[in-house]
Amino acid sequence: MQMDASTLTRNMQPLVGQGWLSIGAGSDARSRLVDVTEAGRIKQAEGQRAWKEAQEALNDLLGLDCVVSLHQLLDACIARLDDDSDHPV
């Protein structure tokens, strides 16, 4: 995943606000130390369970062969987009 530092910081703020991450001082003035809180670990486990249930439901709905083909297509698209990252859309 490619993301600049300001975007990453902005995207983490809601997670900090919910108490799922904490941000502290890093080893120098330009760095920060990010830690997952206990509440964050609990939320991550909840999310992983929900994601697994969603994946199983999709597998049941589309069939495993179709889901595998979909993943292969998405992987190929992502690779092509990564290769073409020098040419922004």
N, C-alpha and C. Protein backbone atom coordinates (compact mmCIF):
# COMPACT_ATOMS: atom_id res chain seq x y z
N MET A 1 0.85 -1.17 0.00
CA MET A 1 0.00 0.00 0.00
C MET A 1 0.90 1.23 0.00
N GLN A 2 0.67 2.10 -0.94
CA GLN A 2 1.46 3.31 -1.03
C GLN A 2 0.65 4.48 -0.49
N MET A 3 1.26 5.23 0.44
CA MET A 3 0.57 6.34 1.05
C MET A 3 1.62 7.30 1.60
N ASP A 4 1.40 8.59 1.41
CA ASP A 4 2.37 9.53 1.96
C ASP A 4 2.11 9.73 3.45
N ALA A 5 3.10 10.28 4.14
CA ALA A 5 3.04 10.38 5.60
C ALA A 5 1.86 11.20 6.09
N SER A 6 1.54 12.30 5.41
CA SER A 6 0.43 13.14 5.87
C SER A 6 -0.91 12.41 5.73
N THR A 7 -1.06 11.62 4.68
CA THR A 7 -2.29 10.85 4.50
C THR A 7 -2.39 9.77 5.57
N LEU A 8 -1.29 9.10 5.85
CA LEU A 8 -1.28 8.07 6.87
C LEU A 8 -1.66 8.66 8.22
N THR A 9 -1.06 9.79 8.58
CA THR A 9 -1.37 10.44 9.85
C THR A 9 -2.84 10.82 9.92
N ARG A 10 -3.36 11.40 8.86
CA ARG A 10 -4.78 11.81 8.81
C ARG A 10 -5.69 10.59 8.93
N ASN A 11 -5.34 9.50 8.28
CA ASN A 11 -6.17 8.29 8.31
C ASN A 11 -6.13 7.59 9.67
N MET A 12 -5.06 7.78 10.43
CA MET A 12 -4.96 7.16 11.75
C MET A 12 -5.73 7.93 12.82
N GLN A 13 -6.00 9.21 12.60
CA GLN A 13 -6.63 10.02 13.64
C GLN A 13 -7.96 9.46 14.15
N PRO A 14 -8.86 8.97 13.29
CA PRO A 14 -10.10 8.38 13.83
C PRO A 14 -9.83 7.15 14.71
N LEU A 15 -8.78 6.39 14.39
CA LEU A 15 -8.44 5.22 15.19
C LEU A 15 -7.90 5.64 16.55
N VAL A 16 -7.15 6.72 16.57
CA VAL A 16 -6.67 7.28 17.83
C VAL A 16 -7.86 7.81 18.63
N GLY A 17 -8.76 8.51 17.95
CA GLY A 17 -9.94 9.07 18.60
C GLY A 17 -10.84 8.01 19.24
N GLN A 18 -10.90 6.83 18.63
CA GLN A 18 -11.69 5.73 19.19
C GLN A 18 -10.94 4.99 20.30
N GLY A 19 -9.66 5.33 20.49
CA GLY A 19 -8.88 4.66 21.52
C GLY A 19 -8.27 3.35 21.07
N TRP A 20 -8.21 3.12 19.77
CA TRP A 20 -7.69 1.86 19.24
C TRP A 20 -6.19 1.93 18.96
N LEU A 21 -5.66 3.13 18.77
CA LEU A 21 -4.22 3.35 18.57
C LEU A 21 -3.77 4.44 19.52
N SER A 22 -2.50 4.39 19.88
CA SER A 22 -1.89 5.52 20.59
C SER A 22 -0.65 5.93 19.79
N ILE A 23 -0.40 7.22 19.76
CA ILE A 23 0.75 7.75 19.04
C ILE A 23 1.62 8.50 20.03
N GLY A 24 2.89 8.11 20.09
CA GLY A 24 3.84 8.75 20.98
C GLY A 24 5.04 9.27 20.21
N ALA A 25 5.96 9.84 20.95
CA ALA A 25 7.17 10.40 20.35
C ALA A 25 8.04 9.27 19.81
N GLY A 26 8.66 9.54 18.68
CA GLY A 26 9.58 8.58 18.07
C GLY A 26 11.01 8.87 18.47
N SER A 27 11.93 8.27 17.75
CA SER A 27 13.35 8.41 18.07
C SER A 27 13.91 9.77 17.67
N ASP A 28 13.19 10.50 16.79
CA ASP A 28 13.61 11.86 16.44
C ASP A 28 12.35 12.71 16.22
N ALA A 29 12.54 13.98 15.94
CA ALA A 29 11.42 14.91 15.83
C ALA A 29 10.48 14.60 14.67
N ARG A 30 10.97 13.87 13.66
CA ARG A 30 10.14 13.59 12.48
C ARG A 30 9.41 12.25 12.57
N SER A 31 9.68 11.46 13.59
CA SER A 31 9.08 10.13 13.66
C SER A 31 8.10 10.04 14.83
N ARG A 32 7.20 9.09 14.73
CA ARG A 32 6.22 8.83 15.78
C ARG A 32 6.18 7.32 16.03
N LEU A 33 5.87 6.96 17.26
CA LEU A 33 5.72 5.57 17.64
C LEU A 33 4.23 5.28 17.74
N VAL A 34 3.75 4.34 16.95
CA VAL A 34 2.33 3.99 16.93
C VAL A 34 2.17 2.63 17.61
N ASP A 35 1.20 2.56 18.52
CA ASP A 35 0.96 1.32 19.25
C ASP A 35 -0.53 1.00 19.20
N VAL A 36 -0.85 -0.28 19.10
CA VAL A 36 -2.24 -0.72 19.16
C VAL A 36 -2.60 -0.92 20.63
N THR A 37 -3.69 -0.30 21.06
CA THR A 37 -4.14 -0.43 22.44
C THR A 37 -4.87 -1.75 22.65
N GLU A 38 -5.18 -2.06 23.89
CA GLU A 38 -5.96 -3.27 24.17
C GLU A 38 -7.32 -3.19 23.50
N ALA A 39 -7.95 -2.01 23.54
CA ALA A 39 -9.23 -1.82 22.84
C ALA A 39 -9.06 -2.04 21.34
N GLY A 40 -7.92 -1.63 20.81
CA GLY A 40 -7.63 -1.84 19.40
C GLY A 40 -7.47 -3.31 19.06
N ARG A 41 -6.84 -4.05 19.95
CA ARG A 41 -6.69 -5.50 19.72
C ARG A 41 -8.05 -6.20 19.72
N ILE A 42 -8.92 -5.77 20.64
CA ILE A 42 -10.27 -6.34 20.69
C ILE A 42 -11.02 -6.02 19.41
N LYS A 43 -10.95 -4.76 18.97
CA LYS A 43 -11.65 -4.35 17.75
C LYS A 43 -11.09 -5.09 16.54
N GLN A 44 -9.78 -5.30 16.49
CA GLN A 44 -9.18 -6.04 15.38
C GLN A 44 -9.71 -7.47 15.34
N ALA A 45 -9.81 -8.11 16.50
CA ALA A 45 -10.34 -9.48 16.55
C ALA A 45 -11.79 -9.51 16.08
N GLU A 46 -12.59 -8.52 16.48
CA GLU A 46 -13.97 -8.44 16.01
C GLU A 46 -14.01 -8.29 14.49
N GLY A 47 -13.16 -7.43 13.97
CA GLY A 47 -13.11 -7.21 12.53
C GLY A 47 -12.68 -8.46 11.77
N GLN A 48 -11.72 -9.18 12.32
CA GLN A 48 -11.26 -10.41 11.66
C GLN A 48 -12.37 -11.45 11.61
N ARG A 49 -13.15 -11.57 12.70
CA ARG A 49 -14.27 -12.52 12.70
C ARG A 49 -15.32 -12.12 11.66
N ALA A 50 -15.64 -10.82 11.61
CA ALA A 50 -16.64 -10.34 10.63
C ALA A 50 -16.14 -10.54 9.20
N TRP A 51 -14.85 -10.28 8.97
CA TRP A 51 -14.28 -10.46 7.63
C TRP A 51 -14.35 -11.92 7.20
N LYS A 52 -14.02 -12.83 8.13
CA LYS A 52 -14.08 -14.26 7.81
C LYS A 52 -15.51 -14.68 7.47
N GLU A 53 -16.47 -14.20 8.24
CA GLU A 53 -17.87 -14.51 7.95
C GLU A 53 -18.28 -13.99 6.58
N ALA A 54 -17.85 -12.77 6.25
CA ALA A 54 -18.18 -12.19 4.94
C ALA A 54 -17.54 -13.00 3.81
N GLN A 55 -16.29 -13.42 4.00
CA GLN A 55 -15.62 -14.22 2.98
C GLN A 55 -16.34 -15.56 2.78
N GLU A 56 -16.74 -16.19 3.87
CA GLU A 56 -17.44 -17.47 3.77
C GLU A 56 -18.79 -17.29 3.07
N ALA A 57 -19.49 -16.19 3.36
CA ALA A 57 -20.77 -15.93 2.71
C ALA A 57 -20.58 -15.71 1.21
N LEU A 58 -19.52 -14.98 0.83
CA LEU A 58 -19.24 -14.76 -0.59
C LEU A 58 -18.89 -16.07 -1.29
N ASN A 59 -18.09 -16.90 -0.62
CA ASN A 59 -17.74 -18.21 -1.18
C ASN A 59 -19.01 -19.04 -1.41
N ASP A 60 -19.92 -19.00 -0.44
CA ASP A 60 -21.17 -19.77 -0.57
C ASP A 60 -22.03 -19.22 -1.71
N LEU A 61 -22.07 -17.90 -1.85
CA LEU A 61 -22.92 -17.28 -2.86
C LEU A 61 -22.38 -17.46 -4.28
N LEU A 62 -21.08 -17.21 -4.46
CA LEU A 62 -20.48 -17.26 -5.80
C LEU A 62 -19.87 -18.61 -6.16
N GLY A 63 -19.50 -19.35 -5.16
CA GLY A 63 -18.78 -20.60 -5.39
C GLY A 63 -17.28 -20.35 -5.34
N LEU A 64 -16.55 -21.32 -4.81
CA LEU A 64 -15.11 -21.16 -4.59
C LEU A 64 -14.35 -20.89 -5.88
N ASP A 65 -14.68 -21.58 -6.97
CA ASP A 65 -13.97 -21.38 -8.24
C ASP A 65 -14.10 -19.94 -8.71
N CYS A 66 -15.29 -19.38 -8.61
CA CYS A 66 -15.52 -18.00 -9.04
C CYS A 66 -14.74 -17.02 -8.16
N VAL A 67 -14.72 -17.27 -6.85
CA VAL A 67 -13.99 -16.39 -5.93
C VAL A 67 -12.49 -16.45 -6.21
N VAL A 68 -11.97 -17.64 -6.48
CA VAL A 68 -10.55 -17.77 -6.82
C VAL A 68 -10.24 -16.99 -8.09
N SER A 69 -11.09 -17.12 -9.10
CA SER A 69 -10.90 -16.37 -10.35
C SER A 69 -10.95 -14.87 -10.11
N LEU A 70 -11.88 -14.44 -9.26
CA LEU A 70 -11.99 -13.02 -8.93
C LEU A 70 -10.71 -12.51 -8.27
N HIS A 71 -10.18 -13.28 -7.32
CA HIS A 71 -8.92 -12.89 -6.66
C HIS A 71 -7.77 -12.80 -7.66
N GLN A 72 -7.71 -13.75 -8.58
CA GLN A 72 -6.64 -13.72 -9.59
C GLN A 72 -6.77 -12.49 -10.47
N LEU A 73 -7.98 -12.15 -10.87
CA LEU A 73 -8.20 -10.96 -11.69
C LEU A 73 -7.81 -9.70 -10.93
N LEU A 74 -8.23 -9.60 -9.68
CA LEU A 74 -7.89 -8.42 -8.88
C LEU A 74 -6.38 -8.31 -8.67
N ASP A 75 -5.71 -9.43 -8.40
CA ASP A 75 -4.26 -9.42 -8.24
C ASP A 75 -3.57 -8.93 -9.52
N ALA A 76 -4.04 -9.39 -10.67
CA ALA A 76 -3.47 -8.96 -11.95
C ALA A 76 -3.69 -7.47 -12.17
N CYS A 77 -4.87 -6.98 -11.84
CA CYS A 77 -5.17 -5.55 -12.00
C CYS A 77 -4.28 -4.71 -11.09
N ILE A 78 -4.12 -5.13 -9.85
CA ILE A 78 -3.28 -4.39 -8.91
C ILE A 78 -1.84 -4.37 -9.40
N ALA A 79 -1.34 -5.51 -9.88
CA ALA A 79 0.03 -5.57 -10.40
C ALA A 79 0.20 -4.62 -11.58
N ARG A 80 -0.78 -4.59 -12.47
CA ARG A 80 -0.69 -3.70 -13.62
C ARG A 80 -0.71 -2.23 -13.18
N LEU A 81 -1.55 -1.91 -12.22
CA LEU A 81 -1.61 -0.53 -11.72
C LEU A 81 -0.31 -0.15 -11.02
N ASP A 82 0.27 -1.08 -10.26
CA ASP A 82 1.56 -0.82 -9.60
C ASP A 82 2.66 -0.59 -10.63
N ASP A 83 2.66 -1.38 -11.71
CA ASP A 83 3.66 -1.23 -12.76
C ASP A 83 3.53 0.12 -13.46
N ASP A 84 2.32 0.65 -13.49
CA ASP A 84 2.05 1.90 -14.20
C ASP A 84 1.99 3.09 -13.25
N SER A 85 2.55 2.95 -12.04
CA SER A 85 2.44 4.02 -11.05
C SER A 85 3.20 5.28 -11.45
N ASP A 86 4.11 5.17 -12.43
CA ASP A 86 4.83 6.35 -12.92
C ASP A 86 3.95 7.22 -13.80
N HIS A 87 2.79 6.70 -14.19
CA HIS A 87 1.88 7.41 -15.07
C HIS A 87 0.54 7.60 -14.37
N PRO A 88 0.41 8.64 -13.53
CA PRO A 88 -0.84 8.82 -12.79
C PRO A 88 -2.01 9.06 -13.73
N VAL A 89 -3.16 8.60 -13.30
CA VAL A 89 -4.39 8.74 -14.09
C VAL A 89 -4.88 10.16 -14.03
